[in-house]
Amino acid sequence: MQRLRLSKDIQTVYQRGVKRFHPFFRTVFLKTQESESRATVVVSTRVSKKAVERNRIKRRLRPILKKILNQAGPSR
């Protein structure tokens, strides 16, 4: 799994992707033609006003997301 880093790429996923909501987070997925899945983790300031805490949450979520995407296989 590669991380989405460019704001343009992240914005495209938000605009065109399929959204799923949970009380604590939101996931947005976009099917691509690439063989490897790409993802990003965004934690809102509603979760915490402190960047340190938001970054800690992102560090914990990335390996979980990577495992889920690897189990799902290549995007088709």
N, C-alpha and C. Protein backbone atom coordinates (compact mmCIF):
# COMPACT_ATOMS: atom_id res chain seq x y z
N MET A 1 0.84 -1.18 0.00
CA MET A 1 0.00 0.00 0.00
C MET A 1 0.88 1.24 0.00
N GLN A 2 0.56 2.17 -0.87
CA GLN A 2 1.25 3.45 -0.90
C GLN A 2 0.34 4.50 -0.29
N ARG A 3 0.96 5.50 0.32
CA ARG A 3 0.17 6.59 0.91
C ARG A 3 -0.12 7.65 -0.14
N LEU A 4 -1.31 8.19 -0.08
CA LEU A 4 -1.65 9.36 -0.89
C LEU A 4 -1.04 10.55 -0.18
N ARG A 5 -0.26 11.33 -0.88
CA ARG A 5 0.39 12.47 -0.24
C ARG A 5 -0.01 13.81 -0.85
N LEU A 6 -0.33 13.81 -2.12
CA LEU A 6 -0.67 15.08 -2.78
C LEU A 6 -2.11 15.48 -2.47
N SER A 7 -2.30 16.75 -2.16
CA SER A 7 -3.66 17.20 -1.87
C SER A 7 -4.60 16.99 -3.04
N LYS A 8 -4.09 17.11 -4.25
CA LYS A 8 -4.91 16.89 -5.44
C LYS A 8 -5.46 15.47 -5.47
N ASP A 9 -4.61 14.50 -5.16
CA ASP A 9 -5.03 13.09 -5.14
C ASP A 9 -6.06 12.84 -4.03
N ILE A 10 -5.81 13.39 -2.87
CA ILE A 10 -6.72 13.21 -1.74
C ILE A 10 -8.07 13.84 -2.06
N GLN A 11 -8.05 15.02 -2.66
CA GLN A 11 -9.30 15.71 -3.02
C GLN A 11 -10.10 14.90 -4.04
N THR A 12 -9.41 14.27 -5.00
CA THR A 12 -10.08 13.44 -6.00
C THR A 12 -10.80 12.28 -5.33
N VAL A 13 -10.13 11.64 -4.38
CA VAL A 13 -10.74 10.52 -3.66
C VAL A 13 -11.98 11.00 -2.90
N TYR A 14 -11.89 12.15 -2.23
CA TYR A 14 -13.04 12.68 -1.50
C TYR A 14 -14.21 13.00 -2.42
N GLN A 15 -13.93 13.55 -3.59
CA GLN A 15 -15.00 13.96 -4.50
C GLN A 15 -15.65 12.78 -5.21
N ARG A 16 -14.87 11.81 -5.64
CA ARG A 16 -15.39 10.72 -6.47
C ARG A 16 -15.56 9.40 -5.75
N GLY A 17 -15.04 9.29 -4.54
CA GLY A 17 -15.03 8.01 -3.86
C GLY A 17 -16.34 7.63 -3.19
N VAL A 18 -16.39 6.38 -2.77
CA VAL A 18 -17.54 5.84 -2.03
C VAL A 18 -17.27 6.09 -0.55
N LYS A 19 -18.23 6.69 0.13
CA LYS A 19 -18.04 7.07 1.53
C LYS A 19 -18.78 6.13 2.47
N ARG A 20 -18.12 5.77 3.55
CA ARG A 20 -18.72 4.97 4.61
C ARG A 20 -18.47 5.71 5.93
N PHE A 21 -19.50 5.79 6.76
CA PHE A 21 -19.39 6.56 7.99
C PHE A 21 -19.47 5.68 9.22
N HIS A 22 -18.74 6.06 10.25
CA HIS A 22 -18.71 5.42 11.55
C HIS A 22 -18.72 6.57 12.56
N PRO A 23 -19.21 6.36 13.76
CA PRO A 23 -19.23 7.48 14.72
C PRO A 23 -17.86 8.12 14.97
N PHE A 24 -16.77 7.35 14.84
CA PHE A 24 -15.45 7.88 15.17
C PHE A 24 -14.60 8.22 13.96
N PHE A 25 -14.95 7.73 12.79
CA PHE A 25 -14.15 8.04 11.61
C PHE A 25 -14.98 7.83 10.35
N ARG A 26 -14.40 8.26 9.24
CA ARG A 26 -15.05 8.12 7.94
C ARG A 26 -14.03 7.49 6.99
N THR A 27 -14.49 6.61 6.13
CA THR A 27 -13.61 6.04 5.11
C THR A 27 -14.15 6.42 3.74
N VAL A 28 -13.23 6.69 2.83
CA VAL A 28 -13.59 7.03 1.46
C VAL A 28 -12.70 6.21 0.55
N PHE A 29 -13.31 5.44 -0.35
CA PHE A 29 -12.57 4.56 -1.24
C PHE A 29 -12.85 4.94 -2.68
N LEU A 30 -11.83 4.82 -3.52
CA LEU A 30 -11.99 5.07 -4.94
C LEU A 30 -11.28 3.97 -5.70
N LYS A 31 -12.01 3.26 -6.54
CA LYS A 31 -11.43 2.20 -7.35
C LYS A 31 -10.51 2.83 -8.39
N THR A 32 -9.32 2.23 -8.59
CA THR A 32 -8.36 2.77 -9.56
C THR A 32 -7.91 1.67 -10.51
N GLN A 33 -7.19 2.09 -11.53
CA GLN A 33 -6.63 1.15 -12.49
C GLN A 33 -5.24 0.66 -12.05
N GLU A 34 -4.69 1.27 -11.02
CA GLU A 34 -3.36 0.90 -10.54
C GLU A 34 -3.41 -0.47 -9.86
N SER A 35 -2.28 -1.16 -9.91
CA SER A 35 -2.23 -2.50 -9.32
C SER A 35 -2.14 -2.44 -7.79
N GLU A 36 -1.57 -1.37 -7.26
CA GLU A 36 -1.42 -1.27 -5.81
C GLU A 36 -2.38 -0.24 -5.24
N SER A 37 -3.01 -0.56 -4.14
CA SER A 37 -3.94 0.36 -3.49
C SER A 37 -3.17 1.51 -2.87
N ARG A 38 -3.80 2.67 -2.87
CA ARG A 38 -3.22 3.85 -2.23
C ARG A 38 -4.26 4.41 -1.28
N ALA A 39 -3.79 4.90 -0.13
CA ALA A 39 -4.73 5.40 0.87
C ALA A 39 -4.07 6.49 1.70
N THR A 40 -4.89 7.21 2.39
CA THR A 40 -4.41 8.20 3.35
C THR A 40 -5.31 8.15 4.58
N VAL A 41 -4.80 8.65 5.67
CA VAL A 41 -5.57 8.71 6.90
C VAL A 41 -5.69 10.18 7.29
N VAL A 42 -6.91 10.65 7.45
CA VAL A 42 -7.16 12.03 7.86
C VAL A 42 -7.93 11.99 9.16
N VAL A 43 -7.42 12.69 10.15
CA VAL A 43 -8.09 12.76 11.45
C VAL A 43 -8.51 14.21 11.68
N SER A 44 -9.78 14.42 11.86
CA SER A 44 -10.35 15.75 12.00
C SER A 44 -9.98 16.39 13.34
N THR A 45 -10.00 17.70 13.36
CA THR A 45 -9.77 18.41 14.62
C THR A 45 -10.92 18.20 15.60
N ARG A 46 -12.04 17.66 15.12
CA ARG A 46 -13.13 17.31 16.03
C ARG A 46 -12.72 16.19 16.98
N VAL A 47 -11.82 15.33 16.50
CA VAL A 47 -11.34 14.22 17.33
C VAL A 47 -10.44 14.76 18.43
N SER A 48 -9.52 15.65 18.06
CA SER A 48 -8.64 16.28 19.03
C SER A 48 -8.11 17.58 18.43
N LYS A 49 -7.99 18.58 19.25
CA LYS A 49 -7.43 19.86 18.79
C LYS A 49 -5.90 19.79 18.71
N LYS A 50 -5.31 18.79 19.36
CA LYS A 50 -3.85 18.70 19.42
C LYS A 50 -3.31 17.85 18.27
N ALA A 51 -2.39 18.43 17.51
CA ALA A 51 -1.79 17.72 16.37
C ALA A 51 -1.07 16.46 16.83
N VAL A 52 -0.45 16.51 18.00
CA VAL A 52 0.27 15.35 18.51
C VAL A 52 -0.67 14.15 18.66
N GLU A 53 -1.85 14.38 19.18
CA GLU A 53 -2.81 13.29 19.37
C GLU A 53 -3.36 12.81 18.03
N ARG A 54 -3.65 13.74 17.11
CA ARG A 54 -4.15 13.33 15.79
C ARG A 54 -3.10 12.51 15.05
N ASN A 55 -1.84 12.91 15.14
CA ASN A 55 -0.77 12.16 14.48
C ASN A 55 -0.60 10.78 15.10
N ARG A 56 -0.75 10.66 16.40
CA ARG A 56 -0.66 9.36 17.07
C ARG A 56 -1.76 8.43 16.56
N ILE A 57 -2.96 8.96 16.42
CA ILE A 57 -4.08 8.17 15.90
C ILE A 57 -3.77 7.70 14.48
N LYS A 58 -3.25 8.61 13.65
CA LYS A 58 -2.92 8.25 12.26
C LYS A 58 -1.85 7.16 12.21
N ARG A 59 -0.84 7.27 13.07
CA ARG A 59 0.22 6.24 13.09
C ARG A 59 -0.35 4.88 13.48
N ARG A 60 -1.34 4.85 14.34
CA ARG A 60 -1.95 3.58 14.75
C ARG A 60 -2.89 3.02 13.68
N LEU A 61 -3.55 3.89 12.94
CA LEU A 61 -4.50 3.44 11.93
C LEU A 61 -3.84 2.96 10.63
N ARG A 62 -2.69 3.53 10.27
CA ARG A 62 -2.05 3.17 8.99
C ARG A 62 -1.75 1.68 8.86
N PRO A 63 -1.14 1.01 9.86
CA PRO A 63 -0.89 -0.43 9.71
C PRO A 63 -2.17 -1.25 9.60
N ILE A 64 -3.22 -0.82 10.28
CA ILE A 64 -4.51 -1.53 10.19
C ILE A 64 -5.07 -1.40 8.79
N LEU A 65 -5.04 -0.19 8.25
CA LEU A 65 -5.53 0.06 6.90
C LEU A 65 -4.71 -0.72 5.88
N LYS A 66 -3.40 -0.76 6.08
CA LYS A 66 -2.52 -1.49 5.17
C LYS A 66 -2.88 -2.98 5.16
N LYS A 67 -3.13 -3.54 6.34
CA LYS A 67 -3.49 -4.96 6.44
C LYS A 67 -4.81 -5.24 5.73
N ILE A 68 -5.79 -4.37 5.93
CA ILE A 68 -7.10 -4.55 5.28
C ILE A 68 -6.96 -4.47 3.77
N LEU A 69 -6.22 -3.48 3.27
CA LEU A 69 -6.07 -3.32 1.82
C LEU A 69 -5.29 -4.48 1.21
N ASN A 70 -4.29 -4.99 1.92
CA ASN A 70 -3.52 -6.13 1.41
C ASN A 70 -4.38 -7.39 1.35
N GLN A 71 -5.28 -7.57 2.31
CA GLN A 71 -6.17 -8.73 2.30
C GLN A 71 -7.19 -8.63 1.18
N ALA A 72 -7.58 -7.41 0.84
CA ALA A 72 -8.58 -7.21 -0.22
C ALA A 72 -8.00 -7.51 -1.60
N GLY A 73 -6.69 -7.47 -1.73
CA GLY A 73 -6.06 -7.74 -3.01
C GLY A 73 -6.02 -6.50 -3.88
N PRO A 74 -5.50 -6.65 -5.11
CA PRO A 74 -5.37 -5.49 -5.99
C PRO A 74 -6.74 -4.93 -6.38
N SER A 75 -6.76 -3.61 -6.56
CA SER A 75 -8.03 -2.98 -6.96
C SER A 75 -8.32 -3.27 -8.41
N ARG A 76 -9.57 -3.57 -8.70
CA ARG A 76 -9.96 -3.89 -10.08
C ARG A 76 -11.24 -3.22 -10.41
